[in-house]
Structure formats: C-alpha cells, structure tokens
C-alpha cells in the first residue's frame, strides 16, 4: 500500500503543477493585439 500512496502523491503533485502553470499562463500573460491583413486570390471567391 505505501507504493500506492506514493504514486497517488506524485500524480497529485504533478497535476497541481500543471494546473498552476495553466493558471499562470491564463492570468499573467497578456497577448498583444495586432492587425492582420490576408490577401485572398480571386479564384477562391469567383464562381465558375
């Protein structure tokens, strides 16, 4: 049984680390908005 508790503890710690990293990325990193111009060739919207 001690190996089961050790495994569950490791899984819980790794899950907490992943959750913490995702939380930090979601709340602390602010993307910079910018304009994007995309040129579409005429054959994509002309009917044939």
Protein backbone atom coordinates (compact mmCIF):
# COMPACT_ATOMS: atom_id res chain seq x y z
CA UNK A 1 0.00 0.00 0.00
CA UNK A 2 2.78 2.54 0.62
CA UNK A 3 3.74 2.42 -3.06
CA UNK A 4 0.12 3.24 -3.98
CA UNK A 5 0.13 6.29 -1.70
CA UNK A 6 3.48 7.39 -3.13
CA UNK A 7 2.13 7.03 -6.68
CA UNK A 8 -1.05 8.97 -5.85
CA UNK A 9 1.01 11.69 -4.16
CA UNK A 10 3.26 12.05 -7.22
CA UNK A 11 0.24 12.19 -9.54
CA UNK A 12 -1.42 14.81 -7.33
CA UNK A 13 1.75 16.96 -7.21
CA UNK A 14 2.21 16.75 -10.99
CA UNK A 15 -1.46 17.60 -11.53
CA UNK A 16 -1.10 20.60 -9.21
CA UNK A 17 1.97 21.79 -11.10
CA UNK A 18 0.18 21.51 -14.44
CA UNK A 19 -2.83 23.37 -13.02
CA UNK A 20 -0.57 26.08 -11.62
CA UNK A 21 1.24 26.57 -14.93
CA UNK A 22 -2.04 26.77 -16.87
CA UNK A 23 -3.47 29.22 -14.34
CA UNK A 24 -0.36 31.39 -14.55
CA UNK A 25 -0.43 31.39 -18.37
CA UNK A 26 -4.11 32.27 -18.41
CA UNK A 27 -3.91 35.15 -15.93
CA UNK A 28 -0.41 36.58 -16.14
CA UNK A 29 0.40 36.55 -19.87
CA UNK A 30 -1.30 39.28 -21.90
CA UNK A 31 -1.23 38.86 -25.70
CA UNK A 32 -0.50 41.92 -27.83
CA UNK A 33 -3.38 42.59 -30.28
CA UNK A 34 -2.35 43.48 -33.82
CA UNK A 35 -3.95 43.87 -37.22
CA UNK A 36 -3.68 41.09 -39.76
CA UNK A 37 -4.19 41.53 -43.50
CA UNK A 38 -4.81 38.40 -45.55
CA UNK A 39 -4.89 38.54 -49.35
CA UNK A 40 -7.32 36.06 -50.89
CA UNK A 41 -6.70 35.14 -54.53
CA UNK A 42 -9.68 35.85 -56.84
CA UNK A 43 -10.18 32.20 -57.80
CA UNK A 44 -11.26 31.44 -54.23
CA UNK A 45 -14.43 33.58 -54.38
CA UNK A 46 -15.34 33.77 -58.09
CA UNK A 47 -17.97 31.33 -59.33
CA UNK A 48 -17.14 29.32 -62.38
